[in-house]
PDB file of N, CA and C in Angstrom:
ATOM      1  N   UNK A   1      24.317  -1.249   5.429  1.00  0.00           N
ATOM      2  CA  UNK A   1      23.482  -0.659   6.442  1.00  0.00           C
ATOM      3  C   UNK A   1      22.172  -0.204   5.797  1.00  0.00           C
ATOM      4  N   UNK A   2      21.064  -0.495   6.452  1.00  0.00           N
ATOM      5  CA  UNK A   2      19.742  -0.093   5.982  1.00  0.00           C
ATOM      6  C   UNK A   2      19.505   1.379   6.320  1.00  0.00           C
ATOM      7  N   UNK A   3      19.065   2.136   5.340  1.00  0.00           N
ATOM      8  CA  UNK A   3      18.768   3.547   5.553  1.00  0.00           C
ATOM      9  C   UNK A   3      17.270   3.738   5.358  1.00  0.00           C
ATOM     10  N   UNK A   4      16.614   4.227   6.372  1.00  0.00           N
ATOM     11  CA  UNK A   4      15.180   4.483   6.293  1.00  0.00           C
ATOM     12  C   UNK A   4      14.948   5.736   5.466  1.00  0.00           C
ATOM     13  N   UNK A   5      14.158   5.607   4.406  1.00  0.00           N
ATOM     14  CA  UNK A   5      13.944   6.735   3.505  1.00  0.00           C
ATOM     15  C   UNK A   5      12.726   7.568   3.867  1.00  0.00           C
ATOM     16  N   UNK A   6      12.017   7.197   4.914  1.00  0.00           N
ATOM     17  CA  UNK A   6      10.862   7.987   5.345  1.00  0.00           C
ATOM     18  C   UNK A   6      11.385   9.173   6.148  1.00  0.00           C
ATOM     19  N   UNK A   7      11.092  10.375   5.666  1.00  0.00           N
ATOM     20  CA  UNK A   7      11.591  11.558   6.365  1.00  0.00           C
ATOM     21  C   UNK A   7      10.469  12.366   7.006  1.00  0.00           C
ATOM     22  N   UNK A   8       9.204  11.961   6.738  1.00  0.00           N
ATOM     23  CA  UNK A   8       8.092  12.634   7.398  1.00  0.00           C
ATOM     24  C   UNK A   8       6.866  11.740   7.305  1.00  0.00           C
ATOM     25  N   UNK A   9       5.966  11.951   8.230  1.00  0.00           N
ATOM     26  CA  UNK A   9       4.671  11.277   8.210  1.00  0.00           C
ATOM     27  C   UNK A   9       3.608  12.315   8.532  1.00  0.00           C
ATOM     28  N   UNK A  10       2.363  11.983   8.185  1.00  0.00           N
ATOM     29  CA  UNK A  10       1.244  12.868   8.503  1.00  0.00           C
ATOM     30  C   UNK A  10       0.280  12.098   9.395  1.00  0.00           C
ATOM     31  N   UNK A  11      -0.217  12.750  10.417  1.00  0.00           N
ATOM     32  CA  UNK A  11      -1.148  12.103  11.328  1.00  0.00           C
ATOM     33  C   UNK A  11      -2.490  11.861  10.638  1.00  0.00           C
ATOM     34  N   UNK A  12      -3.245  10.930  11.178  1.00  0.00           N
ATOM     35  CA  UNK A  12      -4.553  10.624  10.621  1.00  0.00           C
ATOM     36  C   UNK A  12      -5.470  11.844  10.671  1.00  0.00           C
ATOM     37  N   UNK A  13      -5.335  12.659  11.711  1.00  0.00           N
ATOM     38  CA  UNK A  13      -6.147  13.874  11.813  1.00  0.00           C
ATOM     39  C   UNK A  13      -5.878  14.804  10.627  1.00  0.00           C
ATOM     40  N   UNK A  14      -4.610  14.971  10.310  1.00  0.00           N
ATOM     41  CA  UNK A  14      -4.208  15.848   9.198  1.00  0.00           C
ATOM     42  C   UNK A  14      -4.675  15.285   7.859  1.00  0.00           C
ATOM     43  N   UNK A  15      -4.496  13.971   7.673  1.00  0.00           N
ATOM     44  CA  UNK A  15      -4.911  13.332   6.420  1.00  0.00           C
ATOM     45  C   UNK A  15      -6.421  13.426   6.252  1.00  0.00           C
ATOM     46  N   UNK A  16      -7.163  13.175   7.333  1.00  0.00           N
ATOM     47  CA  UNK A  16      -8.631  13.265   7.270  1.00  0.00           C
ATOM     48  C   UNK A  16      -9.065  14.678   6.876  1.00  0.00           C
ATOM     49  N   UNK A  17      -8.437  15.680   7.463  1.00  0.00           N
ATOM     50  CA  UNK A  17      -8.773  17.071   7.132  1.00  0.00           C
ATOM     51  C   UNK A  17      -8.439  17.379   5.673  1.00  0.00           C
ATOM     52  N   UNK A  18      -7.286  16.943   5.217  1.00  0.00           N
ATOM     53  CA  UNK A  18      -6.864  17.203   3.837  1.00  0.00           C
ATOM     54  C   UNK A  18      -7.772  16.508   2.825  1.00  0.00           C
ATOM     55  N   UNK A  19      -8.265  15.309   3.196  1.00  0.00           N
ATOM     56  CA  UNK A  19      -9.110  14.548   2.271  1.00  0.00           C
ATOM     57  C   UNK A  19     -10.601  14.826   2.462  1.00  0.00           C
ATOM     58  N   UNK A  20     -10.947  15.574   3.500  1.00  0.00           N
ATOM     59  CA  UNK A  20     -12.349  15.877   3.761  1.00  0.00           C
ATOM     60  C   UNK A  20     -13.148  14.679   4.239  1.00  0.00           C
ATOM     61  N   UNK A  21     -12.503  13.808   5.003  1.00  0.00           N
ATOM     62  CA  UNK A  21     -13.144  12.588   5.512  1.00  0.00           C
ATOM     63  C   UNK A  21     -13.213  12.621   7.034  1.00  0.00           C
ATOM     64  N   UNK A  22     -14.114  11.838   7.575  1.00  0.00           N
ATOM     65  CA  UNK A  22     -14.230  11.683   9.025  1.00  0.00           C
ATOM     66  C   UNK A  22     -13.023  10.908   9.555  1.00  0.00           C
ATOM     67  N   UNK A  23     -12.468  11.359  10.667  1.00  0.00           N
ATOM     68  CA  UNK A  23     -11.335  10.667  11.277  1.00  0.00           C
ATOM     69  C   UNK A  23     -11.726   9.243  11.660  1.00  0.00           C
ATOM     70  N   UNK A  24     -12.893   9.067  12.266  1.00  0.00           N
ATOM     71  CA  UNK A  24     -13.318   7.736  12.700  1.00  0.00           C
ATOM     72  C   UNK A  24     -13.483   6.787  11.512  1.00  0.00           C
ATOM     73  N   UNK A  25     -14.129   7.257  10.439  1.00  0.00           N
ATOM     74  CA  UNK A  25     -14.318   6.417   9.263  1.00  0.00           C
ATOM     75  C   UNK A  25     -12.976   6.088   8.621  1.00  0.00           C
ATOM     76  N   UNK A  26     -12.110   7.086   8.523  1.00  0.00           N
ATOM     77  CA  UNK A  26     -10.795   6.877   7.936  1.00  0.00           C
ATOM     78  C   UNK A  26      -9.986   5.877   8.758  1.00  0.00           C
ATOM     79  N   UNK A  27     -10.102   5.958  10.068  1.00  0.00           N
ATOM     80  CA  UNK A  27      -9.422   5.008  10.949  1.00  0.00           C
ATOM     81  C   UNK A  27      -9.892   3.588  10.657  1.00  0.00           C
ATOM     82  N   UNK A  28     -11.194   3.402  10.513  1.00  0.00           N
ATOM     83  CA  UNK A  28     -11.741   2.071  10.214  1.00  0.00           C
ATOM     84  C   UNK A  28     -11.212   1.544   8.881  1.00  0.00           C
ATOM     85  N   UNK A  29     -11.152   2.391   7.890  1.00  0.00           N
ATOM     86  CA  UNK A  29     -10.627   1.993   6.580  1.00  0.00           C
ATOM     87  C   UNK A  29      -9.143   1.653   6.692  1.00  0.00           C
ATOM     88  N   UNK A  30      -8.393   2.468   7.390  1.00  0.00           N
ATOM     89  CA  UNK A  30      -6.939   2.298   7.491  1.00  0.00           C
ATOM     90  C   UNK A  30      -6.534   1.087   8.320  1.00  0.00           C
ATOM     91  N   UNK A  31      -7.434   0.545   9.124  1.00  0.00           N
ATOM     92  CA  UNK A  31      -7.105  -0.630   9.934  1.00  0.00           C
ATOM     93  C   UNK A  31      -6.775  -1.841   9.058  1.00  0.00           C
ATOM     94  N   UNK A  32      -7.114  -1.787   7.787  1.00  0.00           N
ATOM     95  CA  UNK A  32      -6.770  -2.855   6.842  1.00  0.00           C
ATOM     96  C   UNK A  32      -5.306  -2.787   6.423  1.00  0.00           C
ATOM     97  N   UNK A  33      -4.651  -1.677   6.692  1.00  0.00           N
ATOM     98  CA  UNK A  33      -3.295  -1.449   6.218  1.00  0.00           C
ATOM     99  C   UNK A  33      -2.252  -2.026   7.168  1.00  0.00           C
ATOM    100  N   UNK A  34      -1.113  -2.401   6.592  1.00  0.00           N
ATOM    101  CA  UNK A  34       0.045  -2.867   7.356  1.00  0.00           C
ATOM    102  C   UNK A  34       1.186  -1.866   7.180  1.00  0.00           C
ATOM    103  N   UNK A  35       2.245  -2.076   7.913  1.00  0.00           N
ATOM    104  CA  UNK A  35       3.411  -1.202   7.823  1.00  0.00           C
ATOM    105  C   UNK A  35       3.921  -1.101   6.382  1.00  0.00           C
ATOM    106  N   UNK A  36       3.882  -2.216   5.664  1.00  0.00           N
ATOM    107  CA  UNK A  36       4.341  -2.228   4.272  1.00  0.00           C
ATOM    108  C   UNK A  36       3.483  -1.325   3.385  1.00  0.00           C
ATOM    109  N   UNK A  37       2.265  -1.035   3.844  1.00  0.00           N
ATOM    110  CA  UNK A  37       1.350  -0.172   3.098  1.00  0.00           C
ATOM    111  C   UNK A  37       1.562   1.304   3.405  1.00  0.00           C
ATOM    112  N   UNK A  38       2.447   1.604   4.349  1.00  0.00           N
ATOM    113  CA  UNK A  38       2.765   2.995   4.650  1.00  0.00           C
ATOM    114  C   UNK A  38       2.071   3.582   5.860  1.00  0.00           C
ATOM    115  N   UNK A  39       1.573   2.732   6.750  1.00  0.00           N
ATOM    116  CA  UNK A  39       0.962   3.219   7.988  1.00  0.00           C
ATOM    117  C   UNK A  39       1.891   2.876   9.153  1.00  0.00           C
ATOM    118  N   UNK A  40       2.000   3.786  10.096  1.00  0.00           N
ATOM    119  CA  UNK A  40       2.788   3.518  11.301  1.00  0.00           C
ATOM    120  C   UNK A  40       1.989   3.991  12.518  1.00  0.00           C
ATOM    121  N   UNK A  41       2.359   3.487  13.670  1.00  0.00           N
ATOM    122  CA  UNK A  41       1.764   3.940  14.932  1.00  0.00           C
ATOM    123  C   UNK A  41       2.804   4.734  15.688  1.00  0.00           C
ATOM    124  N   UNK A  42       2.413   5.892  16.161  1.00  0.00           N
ATOM    125  CA  UNK A  42       3.279   6.749  16.956  1.00  0.00           C
ATOM    126  C   UNK A  42       2.772   6.683  18.391  1.00  0.00           C
ATOM    127  N   UNK A  43       3.657   6.318  19.315  1.00  0.00           N
ATOM    128  CA  UNK A  43       3.275   6.169  20.715  1.00  0.00           C
ATOM    129  C   UNK A  43       3.814   7.314  21.545  1.00  0.00           C
ATOM    130  N   UNK A  44       2.956   7.837  22.401  1.00  0.00           N
ATOM    131  CA  UNK A  44       3.331   8.915  23.299  1.00  0.00           C
ATOM    132  C   UNK A  44       3.338   8.415  24.734  1.00  0.00           C
ATOM    133  N   UNK A  45       3.190   9.329  25.646  1.00  0.00           N
ATOM    134  CA  UNK A  45       3.162   8.977  27.063  1.00  0.00           C
ATOM    135  C   UNK A  45       1.886   8.230  27.403  1.00  0.00           C
ATOM    136  N   UNK A  46       1.978   7.337  28.356  1.00  0.00           N
ATOM    137  CA  UNK A  46       0.802   6.593  28.797  1.00  0.00           C
ATOM    138  C   UNK A  46       0.213   5.777  27.664  1.00  0.00           C
ATOM    139  N   UNK A  47      -1.086   5.880  27.489  1.00  0.00           N
ATOM    140  CA  UNK A  47      -1.784   5.117  26.459  1.00  0.00           C
ATOM    141  C   UNK A  47      -1.930   5.883  25.150  1.00  0.00           C
ATOM    142  N   UNK A  48      -1.321   7.027  25.045  1.00  0.00           N
ATOM    143  CA  UNK A  48      -1.450   7.843  23.844  1.00  0.00           C
ATOM    144  C   UNK A  48      -0.806   7.149  22.641  1.00  0.00           C
ATOM    145  N   UNK A  49      -1.590   6.966  21.593  1.00  0.00           N
ATOM    146  CA  UNK A  49      -1.075   6.416  20.344  1.00  0.00           C
ATOM    147  C   UNK A  49      -1.820   7.052  19.183  1.00  0.00           C
ATOM    148  N   UNK A  50      -1.128   7.202  18.078  1.00  0.00           N
ATOM    149  CA  UNK A  50      -1.676   7.932  16.947  1.00  0.00           C
ATOM    150  C   UNK A  50      -1.260   7.243  15.653  1.00  0.00           C
ATOM    151  N   UNK A  51      -2.215   7.068  14.756  1.00  0.00           N
ATOM    152  CA  UNK A  51      -1.939   6.495  13.454  1.00  0.00           C
ATOM    153  C   UNK A  51      -1.374   7.603  12.561  1.00  0.00           C
ATOM    154  N   UNK A  52      -0.352   7.253  11.783  1.00  0.00           N
ATOM    155  CA  UNK A  52       0.255   8.214  10.866  1.00  0.00           C
ATOM    156  C   UNK A  52       0.599   7.501   9.563  1.00  0.00           C
ATOM    157  N   UNK A  53       0.803   8.275   8.514  1.00  0.00           N
ATOM    158  CA  UNK A  53       1.009   7.724   7.184  1.00  0.00           C
ATOM    159  C   UNK A  53       2.202   8.362   6.498  1.00  0.00           C
ATOM    160  N   UNK A  54       2.947   7.540   5.778  1.00  0.00           N
ATOM    161  CA  UNK A  54       3.980   8.037   4.884  1.00  0.00           C
ATOM    162  C   UNK A  54       3.284   8.546   3.619  1.00  0.00           C
ATOM    163  N   UNK A  55       4.032   9.132   2.706  1.00  0.00           N
ATOM    164  CA  UNK A  55       3.436   9.550   1.428  1.00  0.00           C
ATOM    165  C   UNK A  55       2.829   8.354   0.706  1.00  0.00           C
ATOM    166  N   UNK A  56       3.552   7.229   0.699  1.00  0.00           N
ATOM    167  CA  UNK A  56       3.033   6.016   0.077  1.00  0.00           C
ATOM    168  C   UNK A  56       1.766   5.551   0.799  1.00  0.00           C
ATOM    169  N   UNK A  57       1.751   5.689   2.112  1.00  0.00           N
ATOM    170  CA  UNK A  57       0.574   5.302   2.892  1.00  0.00           C
ATOM    171  C   UNK A  57      -0.655   6.124   2.533  1.00  0.00           C
ATOM    172  N   UNK A  58      -0.461   7.395   2.270  1.00  0.00           N
ATOM    173  CA  UNK A  58      -1.586   8.252   1.880  1.00  0.00           C
ATOM    174  C   UNK A  58      -2.120   7.813   0.514  1.00  0.00           C
ATOM    175  N   UNK A  59      -1.219   7.477  -0.402  1.00  0.00           N
ATOM    176  CA  UNK A  59      -1.646   6.975  -1.712  1.00  0.00           C
ATOM    177  C   UNK A  59      -2.445   5.681  -1.554  1.00  0.00           C
ATOM    178  N   UNK A  60      -1.961   4.789  -0.713  1.00  0.00           N
ATOM    179  CA  UNK A  60      -2.651   3.524  -0.458  1.00  0.00           C
ATOM    180  C   UNK A  60      -4.009   3.788   0.163  1.00  0.00           C
ATOM    181  N   UNK A  61      -4.058   4.702   1.108  1.00  0.00           N
ATOM    182  CA  UNK A  61      -5.306   5.043   1.782  1.00  0.00           C
ATOM    183  C   UNK A  61      -6.328   5.623   0.807  1.00  0.00           C
ATOM    184  N   UNK A  62      -5.889   6.477  -0.101  1.00  0.00           N
ATOM    185  CA  UNK A  62      -6.787   7.052  -1.105  1.00  0.00           C
ATOM    186  C   UNK A  62      -7.391   5.932  -1.963  1.00  0.00           C
ATOM    187  N   UNK A  63      -6.579   4.944  -2.318  1.00  0.00           N
ATOM    188  CA  UNK A  63      -7.095   3.799  -3.079  1.00  0.00           C
ATOM    189  C   UNK A  63      -8.136   3.027  -2.267  1.00  0.00           C
ATOM    190  N   UNK A  64      -7.860   2.821  -0.984  1.00  0.00           N
ATOM    191  CA  UNK A  64      -8.813   2.121  -0.118  1.00  0.00           C
ATOM    192  C   UNK A  64     -10.109   2.911   0.050  1.00  0.00           C
ATOM    193  N   UNK A  65     -10.001   4.211   0.132  1.00  0.00           N
ATOM    194  CA  UNK A  65     -11.198   5.057   0.246  1.00  0.00           C
ATOM    195  C   UNK A  65     -12.095   4.846  -0.969  1.00  0.00           C
ATOM    196  N   UNK A  66     -11.495   4.837  -2.154  1.00  0.00           N
ATOM    197  CA  UNK A  66     -12.276   4.616  -3.378  1.00  0.00           C
ATOM    198  C   UNK A  66     -12.979   3.264  -3.339  1.00  0.00           C
ATOM    199  N   UNK A  67     -12.257   2.234  -2.902  1.00  0.00           N
ATOM    200  CA  UNK A  67     -12.832   0.892  -2.822  1.00  0.00           C
ATOM    201  C   UNK A  67     -14.009   0.878  -1.853  1.00  0.00           C
ATOM    202  N   UNK A  68     -13.847   1.506  -0.704  1.00  0.00           N
ATOM    203  CA  UNK A  68     -14.903   1.505   0.319  1.00  0.00           C
ATOM    204  C   UNK A  68     -16.089   2.379  -0.070  1.00  0.00           C
ATOM    205  N   UNK A  69     -15.843   3.418  -0.821  1.00  0.00           N
ATOM    206  CA  UNK A  69     -16.968   4.240  -1.283  1.00  0.00           C
ATOM    207  C   UNK A  69     -17.747   3.533  -2.385  1.00  0.00           C
ATOM    208  N   UNK A  70     -17.044   2.728  -3.186  1.00  0.00           N
ATOM    209  CA  UNK A  70     -17.714   1.928  -4.214  1.00  0.00           C
ATOM    210  C   UNK A  70     -18.564   0.825  -3.597  1.00  0.00           C
ATOM    211  N   UNK A  71     -18.118   0.298  -2.442  1.00  0.00           N
ATOM    212  CA  UNK A  71     -18.861  -0.767  -1.755  1.00  0.00           C
ATOM    213  C   UNK A  71     -18.875  -0.480  -0.251  1.00  0.00           C
ATOM    214  N   UNK A  72     -19.800   0.357   0.207  1.00  0.00           N
ATOM    215  CA  UNK A  72     -19.875   0.744   1.620  1.00  0.00           C
ATOM    216  C   UNK A  72     -20.106  -0.425   2.581  1.00  0.00           C
ATOM    217  N   UNK A  73     -20.547  -1.561   2.072  1.00  0.00           N
ATOM    218  CA  UNK A  73     -20.798  -2.712   2.955  1.00  0.00           C
ATOM    219  C   UNK A  73     -19.509  -3.386   3.428  1.00  0.00           C
ATOM    220  N   UNK A  74     -18.378  -3.040   2.852  1.00  0.00           N
ATOM    221  CA  UNK A  74     -17.113  -3.694   3.231  1.00  0.00           C
ATOM    222  C   UNK A  74     -16.789  -3.531   4.709  1.00  0.00           C
ATOM    223  N   UNK A  75     -17.073  -2.382   5.290  1.00  0.00           N
ATOM    224  CA  UNK A  75     -16.769  -2.159   6.712  1.00  0.00           C
ATOM    225  C   UNK A  75     -17.757  -2.838   7.636  1.00  0.00           C
ATOM    226  N   UNK A  76     -18.879  -3.250   7.107  1.00  0.00           N
ATOM    227  CA  UNK A  76     -19.911  -3.875   7.945  1.00  0.00           C
ATOM    228  C   UNK A  76     -19.717  -5.367   8.089  1.00  0.00           C
ATOM    229  N   UNK A  77     -18.742  -5.926   7.377  1.00  0.00           N
ATOM    230  CA  UNK A  77     -18.522  -7.379   7.397  1.00  0.00           C
ATOM    231  C   UNK A  77     -17.815  -7.801   8.652  1.00  0.00           C
TER     232      UNK A  77
END
């Protein structure tokens, strides 16, 4: 039997606040990530949906932030 080892996630709003980044910019950067990278979508009522990250996802996101800050033109492509 497969046991999911993820016991908590942090919303993009929380991660953006903790990292001192804009939510919108962070969302654009995180759109490159897949589930295997530690990002998940949480769905609420109606059209409500929220991006969230596992601990591994936050590590991956921090790496992506560094890459995008080194080359800001990446998001403009």
